[in-house]
Amino acid sequence: MPKYLFEATYVGKGIQGLMQEGGTKRREALTEALKSVGGTLECFYYAFGYYDVLGVFDIPDDASAAALSLLINSSGNVNVRLKPLLTVEDLDEAAKKSPTYRAPGQ
C-alpha cells in the first residue's frame, strides 16, 4: 500500500478548533478520514515551525490520497501537503529505467 508523508498547517478557524478540541481529537478525526478510504495512520506528530502537524499514512491508491487531500484542503481550516514515499526497492526499479530528455534550450 502506498505511503505518504503529510505536512499540515492549521489556519483561521482550524487553529481555534485545535485549541478547543485538543490534539488527540484531531488525530482521531484523521484516523477516521483515512479509514473511510481504506487507509491507516502510521504516525502523527505536532511540531513547531511552518508545519503544525507531520506524519505518515498508508492509503490504497493515489486517487484516494488525492480525494482526502482535496477534502481536507477544501475545509479552509487546514492546508495539507502530501508527499509520496518510495521504498528502496522502488528506487532500484527507477534506476533501471532509461528515460530520454532534452533540457530547455538544448
N, C-alpha and C. Protein backbone atom coordinates (compact mmCIF):
# COMPACT_ATOMS: atom_id res chain seq x y z
N MET A 1 0.86 -1.17 0.00
CA MET A 1 0.00 0.00 0.00
C MET A 1 0.90 1.23 0.00
N PRO A 2 0.62 2.21 -0.85
CA PRO A 2 1.44 3.42 -0.88
C PRO A 2 1.45 4.18 0.44
N LYS A 3 2.60 4.74 0.76
CA LYS A 3 2.77 5.56 1.95
C LYS A 3 2.93 7.02 1.53
N TYR A 4 2.41 7.90 2.37
CA TYR A 4 2.54 9.33 2.14
C TYR A 4 3.01 10.01 3.41
N LEU A 5 3.91 10.97 3.23
CA LEU A 5 4.26 11.91 4.28
C LEU A 5 3.28 13.06 4.15
N PHE A 6 2.68 13.49 5.26
CA PHE A 6 1.83 14.67 5.20
C PHE A 6 2.39 15.76 6.09
N GLU A 7 2.22 16.99 5.62
CA GLU A 7 2.61 18.19 6.36
C GLU A 7 1.40 19.09 6.34
N ALA A 8 0.97 19.54 7.53
CA ALA A 8 -0.26 20.33 7.60
C ALA A 8 -0.05 21.57 8.46
N THR A 9 -0.73 22.63 8.06
CA THR A 9 -0.72 23.89 8.80
C THR A 9 -2.16 24.28 9.08
N TYR A 10 -2.47 24.52 10.35
CA TYR A 10 -3.79 25.00 10.72
C TYR A 10 -3.88 26.48 10.40
N VAL A 11 -5.01 26.91 9.88
CA VAL A 11 -5.24 28.32 9.57
C VAL A 11 -6.61 28.73 10.10
N GLY A 12 -6.74 30.02 10.43
CA GLY A 12 -8.03 30.59 10.82
C GLY A 12 -8.76 29.79 11.88
N LYS A 13 -9.97 29.37 11.53
CA LYS A 13 -10.82 28.63 12.46
C LYS A 13 -10.23 27.26 12.79
N GLY A 14 -9.32 26.76 11.96
CA GLY A 14 -8.66 25.50 12.26
C GLY A 14 -7.83 25.58 13.53
N ILE A 15 -7.17 26.71 13.73
CA ILE A 15 -6.39 26.92 14.95
C ILE A 15 -7.32 26.97 16.15
N GLN A 16 -8.43 27.69 16.00
CA GLN A 16 -9.41 27.78 17.09
C GLN A 16 -9.97 26.39 17.42
N GLY A 17 -10.27 25.62 16.40
CA GLY A 17 -10.78 24.26 16.61
C GLY A 17 -9.78 23.37 17.31
N LEU A 18 -8.51 23.49 16.92
CA LEU A 18 -7.46 22.71 17.57
C LEU A 18 -7.36 23.07 19.05
N MET A 19 -7.41 24.35 19.34
CA MET A 19 -7.32 24.79 20.74
C MET A 19 -8.54 24.30 21.54
N GLN A 20 -9.69 24.27 20.91
CA GLN A 20 -10.90 23.84 21.59
C GLN A 20 -10.94 22.32 21.79
N GLU A 21 -10.59 21.56 20.73
CA GLU A 21 -10.70 20.10 20.76
C GLU A 21 -9.47 19.40 21.32
N GLY A 22 -8.30 20.00 21.11
CA GLY A 22 -7.07 19.35 21.51
C GLY A 22 -6.51 18.46 20.41
N GLY A 23 -5.27 18.08 20.57
CA GLY A 23 -4.56 17.32 19.55
C GLY A 23 -5.08 15.91 19.34
N THR A 24 -5.48 15.25 20.42
CA THR A 24 -5.95 13.87 20.31
C THR A 24 -7.18 13.76 19.42
N LYS A 25 -8.10 14.69 19.57
CA LYS A 25 -9.32 14.67 18.75
C LYS A 25 -9.03 14.88 17.28
N ARG A 26 -8.03 15.72 16.97
CA ARG A 26 -7.67 15.94 15.57
C ARG A 26 -7.02 14.70 14.98
N ARG A 27 -6.20 14.02 15.76
CA ARG A 27 -5.62 12.76 15.28
C ARG A 27 -6.72 11.74 15.04
N GLU A 28 -7.69 11.66 15.94
CA GLU A 28 -8.81 10.73 15.77
C GLU A 28 -9.61 11.06 14.50
N ALA A 29 -9.79 12.36 14.22
CA ALA A 29 -10.52 12.77 13.01
C ALA A 29 -9.79 12.31 11.75
N LEU A 30 -8.47 12.44 11.75
CA LEU A 30 -7.69 11.98 10.59
C LEU A 30 -7.75 10.47 10.47
N THR A 31 -7.65 9.77 11.59
CA THR A 31 -7.72 8.31 11.57
C THR A 31 -9.05 7.85 10.94
N GLU A 32 -10.15 8.50 11.32
CA GLU A 32 -11.46 8.16 10.76
C GLU A 32 -11.54 8.50 9.28
N ALA A 33 -10.99 9.65 8.89
CA ALA A 33 -11.00 10.03 7.48
C ALA A 33 -10.22 9.02 6.65
N LEU A 34 -9.07 8.60 7.16
CA LEU A 34 -8.27 7.59 6.45
C LEU A 34 -9.02 6.27 6.34
N LYS A 35 -9.66 5.88 7.43
CA LYS A 35 -10.43 4.63 7.44
C LYS A 35 -11.53 4.66 6.37
N SER A 36 -12.12 5.83 6.14
CA SER A 36 -13.21 5.95 5.17
C SER A 36 -12.76 5.67 3.74
N VAL A 37 -11.46 5.76 3.48
CA VAL A 37 -10.93 5.44 2.14
C VAL A 37 -10.00 4.23 2.17
N GLY A 38 -10.05 3.45 3.26
CA GLY A 38 -9.26 2.23 3.34
C GLY A 38 -7.82 2.43 3.79
N GLY A 39 -7.52 3.58 4.38
CA GLY A 39 -6.15 3.86 4.80
C GLY A 39 -5.96 3.73 6.30
N THR A 40 -4.70 3.81 6.73
CA THR A 40 -4.35 3.75 8.16
C THR A 40 -3.27 4.78 8.46
N LEU A 41 -3.29 5.26 9.68
CA LEU A 41 -2.31 6.24 10.13
C LEU A 41 -1.13 5.52 10.76
N GLU A 42 0.08 5.80 10.27
CA GLU A 42 1.28 5.20 10.84
C GLU A 42 1.82 6.04 11.99
N CYS A 43 1.94 7.35 11.78
CA CYS A 43 2.41 8.23 12.86
C CYS A 43 1.88 9.63 12.64
N PHE A 44 1.82 10.39 13.74
CA PHE A 44 1.22 11.72 13.74
C PHE A 44 1.92 12.53 14.81
N TYR A 45 2.53 13.65 14.43
CA TYR A 45 3.28 14.48 15.37
C TYR A 45 2.92 15.95 15.20
N TYR A 46 2.87 16.66 16.30
CA TYR A 46 2.79 18.11 16.26
C TYR A 46 4.21 18.66 16.30
N ALA A 47 4.41 19.84 15.70
CA ALA A 47 5.75 20.41 15.61
C ALA A 47 5.67 21.94 15.69
N PHE A 48 6.81 22.54 15.95
CA PHE A 48 6.96 23.99 15.87
C PHE A 48 7.40 24.33 14.46
N GLY A 49 7.16 25.55 14.03
CA GLY A 49 7.61 25.98 12.72
C GLY A 49 6.44 26.14 11.77
N TYR A 50 6.75 26.14 10.48
CA TYR A 50 5.71 26.38 9.47
C TYR A 50 4.63 25.32 9.52
N TYR A 51 5.04 24.04 9.61
CA TYR A 51 4.06 22.95 9.66
C TYR A 51 3.72 22.64 11.10
N ASP A 52 2.42 22.57 11.37
CA ASP A 52 1.95 22.26 12.72
C ASP A 52 1.88 20.77 12.97
N VAL A 53 1.64 20.00 11.91
CA VAL A 53 1.45 18.55 12.03
C VAL A 53 2.24 17.86 10.93
N LEU A 54 2.89 16.76 11.30
CA LEU A 54 3.63 15.93 10.36
C LEU A 54 3.29 14.48 10.65
N GLY A 55 3.30 13.66 9.63
CA GLY A 55 3.06 12.25 9.87
C GLY A 55 3.14 11.43 8.60
N VAL A 56 2.83 10.15 8.76
CA VAL A 56 2.87 9.21 7.65
C VAL A 56 1.59 8.37 7.70
N PHE A 57 0.99 8.14 6.53
CA PHE A 57 -0.13 7.22 6.47
C PHE A 57 -0.01 6.31 5.27
N ASP A 58 -0.71 5.18 5.35
CA ASP A 58 -0.84 4.23 4.24
C ASP A 58 -2.22 4.41 3.65
N ILE A 59 -2.31 4.32 2.33
CA ILE A 59 -3.61 4.50 1.67
C ILE A 59 -3.61 3.63 0.41
N PRO A 60 -4.76 3.10 0.02
CA PRO A 60 -4.77 2.12 -1.08
C PRO A 60 -4.23 2.60 -2.41
N ASP A 61 -4.45 3.89 -2.76
CA ASP A 61 -4.04 4.35 -4.09
C ASP A 61 -3.93 5.86 -4.12
N ASP A 62 -3.33 6.36 -5.18
CA ASP A 62 -3.13 7.80 -5.33
C ASP A 62 -4.45 8.57 -5.40
N ALA A 63 -5.47 7.99 -6.03
CA ALA A 63 -6.76 8.67 -6.13
C ALA A 63 -7.37 8.88 -4.75
N SER A 64 -7.23 7.90 -3.87
CA SER A 64 -7.76 8.05 -2.51
C SER A 64 -6.99 9.12 -1.75
N ALA A 65 -5.68 9.17 -1.94
CA ALA A 65 -4.87 10.21 -1.29
C ALA A 65 -5.27 11.59 -1.79
N ALA A 66 -5.46 11.71 -3.09
CA ALA A 66 -5.86 13.00 -3.67
C ALA A 66 -7.24 13.41 -3.17
N ALA A 67 -8.18 12.47 -3.10
CA ALA A 67 -9.53 12.78 -2.61
C ALA A 67 -9.49 13.28 -1.17
N LEU A 68 -8.69 12.64 -0.33
CA LEU A 68 -8.57 13.05 1.06
C LEU A 68 -7.93 14.44 1.16
N SER A 69 -6.90 14.67 0.39
CA SER A 69 -6.23 15.97 0.38
C SER A 69 -7.19 17.08 -0.07
N LEU A 70 -7.94 16.82 -1.13
CA LEU A 70 -8.90 17.80 -1.61
C LEU A 70 -9.95 18.11 -0.55
N LEU A 71 -10.46 17.08 0.11
CA LEU A 71 -11.48 17.28 1.14
C LEU A 71 -10.94 18.12 2.30
N ILE A 72 -9.76 17.77 2.79
CA ILE A 72 -9.19 18.49 3.93
C ILE A 72 -8.88 19.93 3.54
N ASN A 73 -8.24 20.14 2.41
CA ASN A 73 -7.90 21.50 1.97
C ASN A 73 -9.14 22.34 1.69
N SER A 74 -10.21 21.70 1.23
CA SER A 74 -11.42 22.46 0.91
C SER A 74 -12.12 23.00 2.15
N SER A 75 -11.76 22.48 3.32
CA SER A 75 -12.37 22.98 4.56
C SER A 75 -11.96 24.42 4.83
N GLY A 76 -10.81 24.83 4.31
CA GLY A 76 -10.30 26.17 4.57
C GLY A 76 -9.69 26.33 5.95
N ASN A 77 -9.68 25.26 6.75
CA ASN A 77 -9.14 25.31 8.11
C ASN A 77 -7.76 24.69 8.24
N VAL A 78 -7.37 23.94 7.23
CA VAL A 78 -6.07 23.26 7.24
C VAL A 78 -5.51 23.28 5.83
N ASN A 79 -4.23 23.59 5.72
CA ASN A 79 -3.51 23.43 4.45
C ASN A 79 -2.64 22.19 4.59
N VAL A 80 -2.90 21.20 3.76
CA VAL A 80 -2.15 19.95 3.84
C VAL A 80 -1.40 19.72 2.54
N ARG A 81 -0.19 19.19 2.68
CA ARG A 81 0.63 18.79 1.53
C ARG A 81 0.99 17.33 1.69
N LEU A 82 0.91 16.60 0.60
CA LEU A 82 1.24 15.18 0.62
C LEU A 82 2.48 14.93 -0.22
N LYS A 83 3.30 14.01 0.26
CA LYS A 83 4.48 13.60 -0.50
C LYS A 83 4.50 12.08 -0.53
N PRO A 84 4.44 11.49 -1.73
CA PRO A 84 4.52 10.04 -1.80
C PRO A 84 5.90 9.57 -1.35
N LEU A 85 5.93 8.50 -0.59
CA LEU A 85 7.19 7.95 -0.10
C LEU A 85 7.54 6.70 -0.90
N LEU A 86 8.78 6.61 -1.32
CA LEU A 86 9.25 5.48 -2.11
C LEU A 86 10.11 4.56 -1.26
N THR A 87 9.96 3.27 -1.47
CA THR A 87 10.84 2.31 -0.79
C THR A 87 12.17 2.25 -1.53
N VAL A 88 13.15 1.62 -0.92
CA VAL A 88 14.44 1.47 -1.61
C VAL A 88 14.27 0.60 -2.86
N GLU A 89 13.34 -0.34 -2.81
CA GLU A 89 13.07 -1.18 -3.98
C GLU A 89 12.45 -0.36 -5.11
N ASP A 90 11.58 0.59 -4.76
CA ASP A 90 11.03 1.50 -5.77
C ASP A 90 12.14 2.27 -6.46
N LEU A 91 13.09 2.74 -5.68
CA LEU A 91 14.20 3.49 -6.25
C LEU A 91 15.08 2.60 -7.12
N ASP A 92 15.28 1.34 -6.68
CA ASP A 92 16.04 0.39 -7.51
C ASP A 92 15.39 0.22 -8.87
N GLU A 93 14.05 0.10 -8.90
CA GLU A 93 13.33 -0.03 -10.17
C GLU A 93 13.48 1.23 -11.01
N ALA A 94 13.41 2.39 -10.38
CA ALA A 94 13.56 3.64 -11.11
C ALA A 94 14.95 3.75 -11.73
N ALA A 95 15.96 3.30 -11.01
CA ALA A 95 17.34 3.39 -11.50
C ALA A 95 17.56 2.50 -12.72
N LYS A 96 16.74 1.48 -12.90
CA LYS A 96 16.87 0.57 -14.04
C LYS A 96 16.27 1.16 -15.31
N LYS A 97 15.45 2.17 -15.19
CA LYS A 97 14.78 2.75 -16.35
C LYS A 97 15.70 3.74 -17.06
N SER A 98 15.49 3.92 -18.36
CA SER A 98 16.33 4.80 -19.17
C SER A 98 15.48 5.82 -19.93
N PRO A 99 14.92 6.78 -19.23
CA PRO A 99 14.12 7.79 -19.95
C PRO A 99 15.00 8.69 -20.80
N THR A 100 14.38 9.35 -21.76
CA THR A 100 15.09 10.35 -22.57
C THR A 100 14.56 11.73 -22.20
N TYR A 101 15.41 12.72 -22.39
CA TYR A 101 15.03 14.08 -22.00
C TYR A 101 15.92 15.07 -22.73
N ARG A 102 15.32 16.18 -23.18
CA ARG A 102 16.07 17.27 -23.76
C ARG A 102 15.85 18.48 -22.86
N ALA A 103 16.92 19.02 -22.31
CA ALA A 103 16.83 20.20 -21.45
C ALA A 103 16.41 21.42 -22.25
N PRO A 104 15.76 22.39 -21.62
CA PRO A 104 15.36 23.60 -22.34
C PRO A 104 16.57 24.28 -23.00
N GLY A 105 16.39 24.68 -24.24
CA GLY A 105 17.45 25.40 -24.95
C GLY A 105 18.53 24.51 -25.55
N GLN A 106 18.38 23.22 -25.43
CA GLN A 106 19.42 22.33 -25.97
C GLN A 106 18.91 21.55 -27.16
